[in-house]
Protein backbone atom coordinates (compact mmCIF):
# COMPACT_ATOMS: atom_id res chain seq x y z
CA MET A 1 -8.57 47.74 96.45
CA ASP A 2 -9.29 47.63 92.55
CA ILE A 3 -8.66 44.92 90.54
CA ALA A 4 -7.87 44.21 86.46
CA ILE A 5 -8.31 41.27 84.64
CA THR A 6 -4.90 40.05 83.15
CA LEU A 7 -4.37 37.92 79.70
CA THR A 8 -1.37 35.61 80.84
CA ALA A 9 -0.96 34.48 77.50
CA PRO A 10 -3.11 33.84 74.04
CA GLY A 11 -5.65 31.20 74.46
CA GLY A 12 -9.15 30.14 76.10
CA ILE A 13 -10.72 31.80 78.94
CA GLU A 14 -8.64 30.41 81.37
CA GLN A 15 -5.98 32.83 80.73
CA LEU A 16 -8.00 35.62 81.99
CA THR A 17 -7.11 36.09 85.65
CA VAL A 18 -8.10 38.65 88.36
CA VAL A 19 -5.54 40.57 90.01
CA ARG A 20 -5.25 43.38 92.34
CA GLN A 21 -3.58 46.60 91.68
CA GLN A 22 -3.28 50.41 93.19
CA PRO A 23 -4.31 53.01 91.04
CA GLN A 24 -1.43 54.60 88.92
CA ALA A 25 -0.93 57.80 88.99
CA PRO A 26 -0.79 59.88 85.37
CA GLU A 27 1.97 61.53 83.99
CA GLY A 28 1.93 64.42 81.30
CA ASN A 29 -0.91 63.60 79.17
CA GLU A 30 -2.15 61.19 80.82
CA ILE A 31 -5.32 61.07 82.68
CA ARG A 32 -6.81 57.97 84.95
CA VAL A 33 -10.43 56.83 84.44
CA ARG A 34 -12.44 55.28 87.24
CA HIS A 35 -14.58 52.67 85.38
CA HIS A 36 -18.10 52.96 85.91
CA ALA A 37 -18.83 50.39 82.74
CA ILE A 38 -16.62 48.71 80.22
CA GLY A 39 -17.31 47.18 76.63
CA VAL A 40 -16.88 43.62 75.87
CA ASN A 41 -16.16 43.32 71.77
CA PHE A 42 -15.25 40.62 69.78
CA LEU A 43 -11.87 42.30 69.29
CA ASP A 44 -11.42 40.93 72.75
CA ILE A 45 -11.90 37.86 71.78
CA TYR A 46 -9.52 37.97 68.82
CA HIS A 47 -7.13 39.17 70.96
CA ARG A 48 -7.35 36.92 73.53
CA LYS A 49 -7.07 34.16 71.35
CA GLY A 50 -4.04 35.88 69.80
CA LEU A 51 -5.83 36.16 66.50
CA TYR A 52 -4.73 40.10 67.07
CA PRO A 53 -1.40 39.54 68.63
CA LEU A 54 -0.48 41.88 71.64
CA ALA A 55 3.00 43.40 72.69
CA SER A 56 3.77 41.50 75.67
CA TYR A 57 2.03 39.60 78.49
CA PRO A 58 0.50 39.63 80.90
CA ALA A 59 -1.62 42.17 79.32
CA ILE A 60 -4.76 43.66 80.43
CA ILE A 61 -6.98 43.71 77.19
CA GLY A 62 -10.38 45.98 76.25
CA ALA A 63 -10.92 48.36 74.09
CA GLU A 64 -13.94 50.37 75.34
CA GLY A 65 -14.90 52.06 78.71
CA ALA A 66 -16.61 54.99 79.91
CA GLY A 67 -16.37 56.57 83.29
CA VAL A 68 -14.94 59.42 85.69
CA VAL A 69 -11.77 61.34 85.29
CA GLU A 70 -10.06 60.43 88.71
CA ALA A 71 -6.67 62.25 87.95
CA VAL A 72 -4.75 64.07 85.44
CA GLY A 73 -1.20 64.79 84.54
CA SER A 74 0.55 67.90 84.32
CA GLU A 75 0.10 68.74 81.06
CA VAL A 76 -3.47 68.00 81.14
CA THR A 77 -5.42 71.30 80.25
CA ALA A 78 -8.69 70.14 78.57
CA LEU A 79 -9.92 67.61 81.60
CA SER A 80 -10.44 67.85 85.36
CA PRO A 81 -11.39 65.45 87.77
CA GLY A 82 -14.57 64.99 87.68
CA ASP A 83 -15.23 65.02 84.31
CA ARG A 84 -17.54 61.71 82.74
CA VAL A 85 -15.87 60.51 79.60
CA ALA A 86 -15.96 57.84 77.69
CA TYR A 87 -13.38 56.09 75.06
CA MET A 88 -12.19 53.37 72.68
CA GLY A 89 -9.31 51.84 70.34
CA ALA A 90 -5.45 51.78 71.23
CA PRO A 91 -4.18 51.58 73.79
CA VAL A 92 -6.25 48.38 74.95
CA GLY A 93 -6.68 48.13 78.89
CA ALA A 94 -9.80 48.64 79.53
CA TYR A 95 -10.92 45.53 81.89
CA ALA A 96 -9.79 47.30 85.19
CA SER A 97 -11.41 49.22 87.57
CA THR A 98 -8.97 52.09 86.94
CA ARG A 99 -6.76 52.79 83.90
CA LEU A 100 -4.58 55.76 82.62
CA LEU A 101 -5.30 56.57 79.14
CA PRO A 102 -3.91 59.46 76.92
CA ALA A 103 -5.98 62.57 77.68
CA HIS A 104 -6.97 63.15 73.91
CA ARG A 105 -8.79 59.55 73.43
CA ALA A 106 -11.09 60.89 76.00
CA ILE A 107 -14.46 62.06 74.48
CA ARG A 108 -16.49 64.05 77.19
CA LEU A 109 -19.99 62.86 77.85
CA PRO A 110 -22.99 64.81 78.36
CA ASN A 111 -25.22 64.83 81.20
CA HIS A 112 -27.79 63.12 79.45
CA VAL A 113 -25.86 60.15 77.93
CA ALA A 114 -25.41 57.23 80.71
CA SER A 115 -22.06 55.78 80.82
CA THR A 116 -23.32 52.26 80.48
CA GLN A 117 -24.96 53.30 77.56
CA ALA A 118 -21.64 54.70 76.27
CA ALA A 119 -20.02 51.70 76.78
CA ALA A 120 -22.08 49.50 75.05
CA THR A 121 -21.90 51.66 72.05
CA LEU A 122 -19.15 53.76 71.32
CA LEU A 123 -16.66 51.24 69.57
CA LYS A 124 -19.41 49.45 67.71
CA GLY A 125 -21.56 52.97 67.07
CA MET A 126 -17.72 54.32 65.40
CA THR A 127 -17.52 51.10 63.38
CA ALA A 128 -21.30 51.60 62.22
CA TYR A 129 -20.02 55.10 61.21
CA MET A 130 -16.79 54.09 59.50
CA LEU A 131 -18.93 51.31 57.44
CA LEU A 132 -21.82 53.33 56.68
CA THR A 133 -20.21 57.06 55.59
CA ARG A 134 -16.30 55.78 55.26
CA THR A 135 -16.18 52.28 53.78
CA TYR A 136 -19.41 53.05 51.73
CA ALA A 137 -21.76 55.46 51.68
CA VAL A 138 -25.29 54.50 52.53
CA THR A 139 -27.89 56.98 51.21
CA SER A 140 -32.09 56.51 51.25
CA ALA A 141 -31.29 54.74 47.50
CA SER A 142 -29.04 51.98 49.16
CA THR A 143 -30.18 48.63 49.84
CA ILE A 144 -27.77 46.43 52.32
CA LEU A 145 -27.24 43.46 53.85
CA VAL A 146 -25.73 43.06 57.28
CA HIS A 147 -25.42 39.95 58.97
CA ALA A 148 -26.28 39.25 62.74
CA ALA A 149 -28.54 41.98 62.69
CA ALA A 150 -29.63 41.39 66.11
CA GLY A 151 -26.29 41.32 67.40
CA GLY A 152 -24.60 44.63 69.09
CA LEU A 153 -23.02 46.06 66.04
CA GLY A 154 -25.66 44.73 63.37
CA THR A 155 -28.62 46.40 65.80
CA LEU A 156 -26.65 49.99 65.23
CA LEU A 157 -25.92 49.50 61.56
CA VAL A 158 -29.75 48.46 61.17
CA ARG A 159 -31.04 51.74 63.17
CA TRP A 160 -28.61 54.02 61.87
CA ALA A 161 -29.17 53.00 57.69
CA LYS A 162 -32.56 53.31 58.87
CA HIS A 163 -32.42 56.58 59.91
CA LEU A 164 -30.65 56.88 56.65
CA GLY A 165 -33.59 55.92 54.68
CA ALA A 166 -31.47 52.69 53.89
CA THR A 167 -33.54 49.34 52.80
CA VAL A 168 -31.94 47.03 55.12
CA ILE A 169 -32.05 43.30 54.62
CA GLY A 170 -30.98 41.27 57.85
CA ALA A 171 -29.33 37.55 58.25
CA VAL A 172 -30.07 36.10 61.52
CA SER A 173 -29.79 33.02 63.26
CA ASN A 174 -32.94 31.82 64.40
CA GLU A 175 -36.84 33.81 65.03
CA GLU A 176 -35.95 35.12 68.23
CA LYS A 177 -33.26 37.11 66.98
CA ALA A 178 -35.46 38.04 63.99
CA ALA A 179 -37.78 39.72 66.04
CA LEU A 180 -35.42 41.87 67.55
CA ALA A 181 -33.99 42.77 64.12
CA ARG A 182 -37.70 43.65 62.90
CA ALA A 183 -37.86 45.90 66.03
CA ASN A 184 -35.15 47.89 65.02
CA GLY A 185 -36.13 48.67 61.56
CA ALA A 186 -35.15 45.53 59.35
CA ASP A 187 -37.17 45.80 56.21
CA HIS A 188 -36.53 42.27 54.97
CA LEU A 189 -34.82 39.31 56.86
CA VAL A 190 -32.90 35.70 56.18
CA ILE A 191 -33.31 33.41 59.03
CA GLY A 192 -31.43 30.44 59.91
CA ARG A 193 -27.66 29.58 60.02
CA ASP A 194 -28.66 26.94 56.85
CA ALA A 195 -30.69 29.43 55.21
CA ASP A 196 -30.15 29.94 51.36
CA LEU A 197 -28.71 33.77 51.80
CA VAL A 198 -27.35 34.21 48.28
CA GLY A 199 -31.24 33.14 46.87
CA GLU A 200 -33.28 34.65 49.52
CA VAL A 201 -31.11 38.03 48.73
CA MET A 202 -31.24 37.88 45.30
CA ALA A 203 -35.30 37.20 45.13
CA LEU A 204 -35.62 40.29 47.41
CA THR A 205 -33.78 42.46 45.43
CA GLY A 206 -34.89 41.05 42.14
CA GLY A 207 -32.22 39.78 41.15
CA ARG A 208 -30.05 42.36 41.47
CA GLY A 209 -28.16 42.40 44.24
CA VAL A 210 -27.16 44.92 47.53
CA ASP A 211 -25.54 47.52 46.99
CA VAL A 212 -23.11 47.06 50.01
CA GLY A 213 -22.81 43.78 52.81
CA TYR A 214 -21.55 43.83 56.05
CA ASP A 215 -19.95 40.93 57.08
CA GLY A 216 -18.64 40.55 60.48
CA ILE A 217 -18.86 36.68 60.17
CA GLY A 218 -15.89 35.46 58.33
CA GLY A 219 -15.07 31.57 57.92
CA ALA A 220 -17.58 30.71 54.72
CA MET A 221 -19.48 33.04 55.10
CA LEU A 222 -17.95 35.84 53.02
CA ALA A 223 -17.93 33.91 50.10
CA LYS A 224 -21.67 33.69 49.68
CA THR A 225 -21.59 37.82 50.91
CA ILE A 226 -19.92 38.92 47.66
CA GLN A 227 -22.35 36.51 45.82
CA CYS A 228 -25.04 38.90 47.23
CA ILE A 229 -23.29 42.00 46.05
CA ARG A 230 -24.92 43.71 42.88
CA PRO A 231 -22.25 44.84 40.10
CA PHE A 232 -20.05 47.89 41.33
CA GLY A 233 -21.24 46.95 44.69
CA MET A 234 -19.01 46.18 47.91
CA ALA A 235 -18.53 43.61 50.48
CA ALA A 236 -17.38 44.65 53.70
CA SER A 237 -15.38 42.19 55.34
CA PHE A 238 -14.51 43.16 59.29
CA GLY A 239 -15.01 40.40 61.70
CA GLN A 240 -14.05 36.83 62.18
CA ALA A 241 -16.78 35.23 64.25
CA ALA A 242 -17.42 32.23 62.55
CA GLY A 243 -13.68 31.43 62.17
CA PRO A 244 -10.78 32.49 59.81
CA ILE A 245 -11.54 33.24 55.93
CA PRO A 246 -10.54 31.32 53.25
CA PRO A 247 -8.57 32.87 50.29
CA VAL A 248 -10.76 35.04 48.47
CA SER A 249 -9.97 34.86 44.41
CA ILE A 250 -9.83 37.98 42.83
CA GLU A 251 -12.56 36.24 40.20
CA ALA A 252 -14.74 35.66 42.85
CA LEU A 253 -15.34 39.68 42.68
CA ARG A 254 -16.51 39.50 38.97
CA PRO A 255 -18.85 41.28 37.57
CA ASN A 256 -17.33 44.10 38.90
CA ARG A 257 -17.58 43.55 42.97
CA SER A 258 -15.56 45.41 45.01
CA LEU A 259 -14.21 44.15 48.51
CA SER A 260 -13.26 46.18 51.37
CA HIS A 261 -11.36 45.31 54.86
CA PRO A 262 -11.93 47.78 57.15
CA SER A 263 -10.40 48.46 60.21
CA ILE A 264 -12.17 50.70 63.22
CA MET A 265 -9.09 50.53 65.13
CA ALA A 266 -6.82 51.33 62.20
CA ALA A 267 -9.41 54.23 61.18
CA SER A 268 -9.62 55.50 64.65
CA THR A 269 -5.73 56.22 64.93
CA ASP A 270 -6.51 59.26 62.98
CA ALA A 271 -6.98 62.27 65.40
CA ASP A 272 -9.83 64.22 63.09
CA PHE A 273 -11.93 60.95 62.24
CA TYR A 274 -11.80 59.75 65.80
CA ALA A 275 -13.15 63.14 67.26
CA GLN A 276 -15.70 63.29 64.19
CA ALA A 277 -16.94 59.65 64.48
CA ALA A 278 -17.09 59.75 68.46
CA VAL A 279 -19.07 63.09 68.33
CA ALA A 280 -21.26 61.43 65.83
CA VAL A 281 -21.89 58.68 67.73
CA ILE A 282 -22.58 60.43 71.16
CA ASN A 283 -24.96 62.53 69.35
CA ALA A 284 -26.91 59.81 67.92
CA ILE A 285 -27.42 58.18 71.25
CA GLY A 286 -28.59 61.27 72.91
CA LEU A 287 -31.19 61.93 69.96
CA GLY A 288 -32.48 58.07 70.60
CA ILE A 289 -30.68 57.06 67.17
CA LEU A 290 -28.64 54.64 68.47
CA SER A 291 -29.02 52.22 71.76
CA LEU A 292 -28.55 48.99 72.76
CA PRO A 293 -29.99 46.40 75.33
CA VAL A 294 -27.33 45.49 77.70
CA ARG A 295 -26.51 42.43 80.04
CA GLU A 296 -24.09 43.45 82.82
CA PHE A 297 -21.37 41.09 84.39
CA ALA A 298 -19.30 41.80 87.19
CA LEU A 299 -15.77 42.96 86.23
CA ALA A 300 -14.21 39.77 87.85
CA ASP A 301 -16.53 37.25 85.63
CA ALA A 302 -15.19 38.68 82.41
CA ALA A 303 -14.23 35.07 81.24
CA ALA A 304 -18.06 34.48 81.88
CA ALA A 305 -18.92 37.29 79.20
CA HIS A 306 -16.70 36.07 76.73
CA THR A 307 -18.25 32.71 76.90
CA GLU A 308 -21.45 34.28 76.42
CA LEU A 309 -20.66 36.38 73.40
CA GLU A 310 -18.58 33.23 71.70
CA ALA A 311 -21.39 31.09 72.15
CA GLY A 312 -23.76 33.59 70.14
CA ARG A 313 -26.46 33.96 73.15
CA SER A 314 -26.02 37.31 73.69
CA SER A 315 -27.66 40.25 71.69
CA GLY A 316 -27.16 43.89 72.21
CA SER A 317 -23.76 44.64 74.00
CA LEU A 318 -22.31 42.84 76.92
CA LEU A 319 -21.18 45.40 79.87
CA LEU A 320 -18.39 44.52 82.68
CA ILE A 321 -19.01 46.81 85.69
CA PRO A 322 -16.06 47.43 88.40
C-alpha cells in the first residue's frame, strides 16, 4: 500500500507522521502522479514550522516531484497514462507515493532527463530563472553575489550565471563547500560564517559593490548583503534559512539601492511564467547547464532529510524516494 507523510500541526520533525493511503481517482482536469522522486526544499521546512501556514491540518507538504502519470480525469486531453512528468509549486502535497495534481501543472519530461534530476532541480531551477531574469536581468557585464553558493539553489545560480557570462562571488561556510562552488564556476569566494563579507566583496569589486546580491539566508545577513550592493544595484531577499529578517530601514538602501522580495511560489501561479520557466529549466538540464548532486532518503525518512537540510550538512539537493 502507498504511504504519505502528513504534517499533524506546525512544529518540529516529530509532527511528520507516516500514514498509509489508497491511490485516489482523478476527476475533471486532474491527473494522478506516481512519484519516482520528490524534492526536499527549505520551503517544506517553512511549511512544517508554520512560517508559511497551510490552510488546515493534518496536511501533506512538498512542492516538487517527478514521476509517471498513472490515471487522468475525464477532461484531460494533453496527458495520458504512462507519460513522464515533473511539477513544482502549489498545490503542495508531494510527500506521498501518489498524488492528485491539476493537469496544467505537469511538465512533460523528455527521455534524456531523469526523473531524479528533474525532481532535484525544477523548483530550485525555476527560482534561479526568476532571480536571474525577472528579479534582475543578469548579463555578461554583471557581477553578482550568491550566498550558500554550494547549496542546491546556490549551485544552480552559480552555474546558470556563469553560462550567462557573469562574474560570480560566492559566499560559503567552509573550505569543503568552497571547493564545490569553485567546481561549479564561482570566480571568487568569501569563506566562513564570520568572514568580513562586506569588506571582502568591496575589495573584490574595487570598492564598487556587486550589481545584485542573492540572499536566501535571512536573519542578520540581509543587512550585510545590502551593504555589498553598488549604487542602483539590487539585493534580492528570498529565504530565511538563518531565521526571521529584522526590519530593514529605508535609510539602509542609500545610496540608490533597491530591495526585492521575490517568491517563486507566487510567480509560478502565472501560467505563462510557469510554462516558460519550467521549459527553460528542463532544457538547461538537458544541455548540462544545470545539474545537482543528489542524496536520497526513503519517503518514510522525510524527517531525517529535514534534519540534514536544516543543519546545513547537505549540498546539492535532497530527494525522497517512494
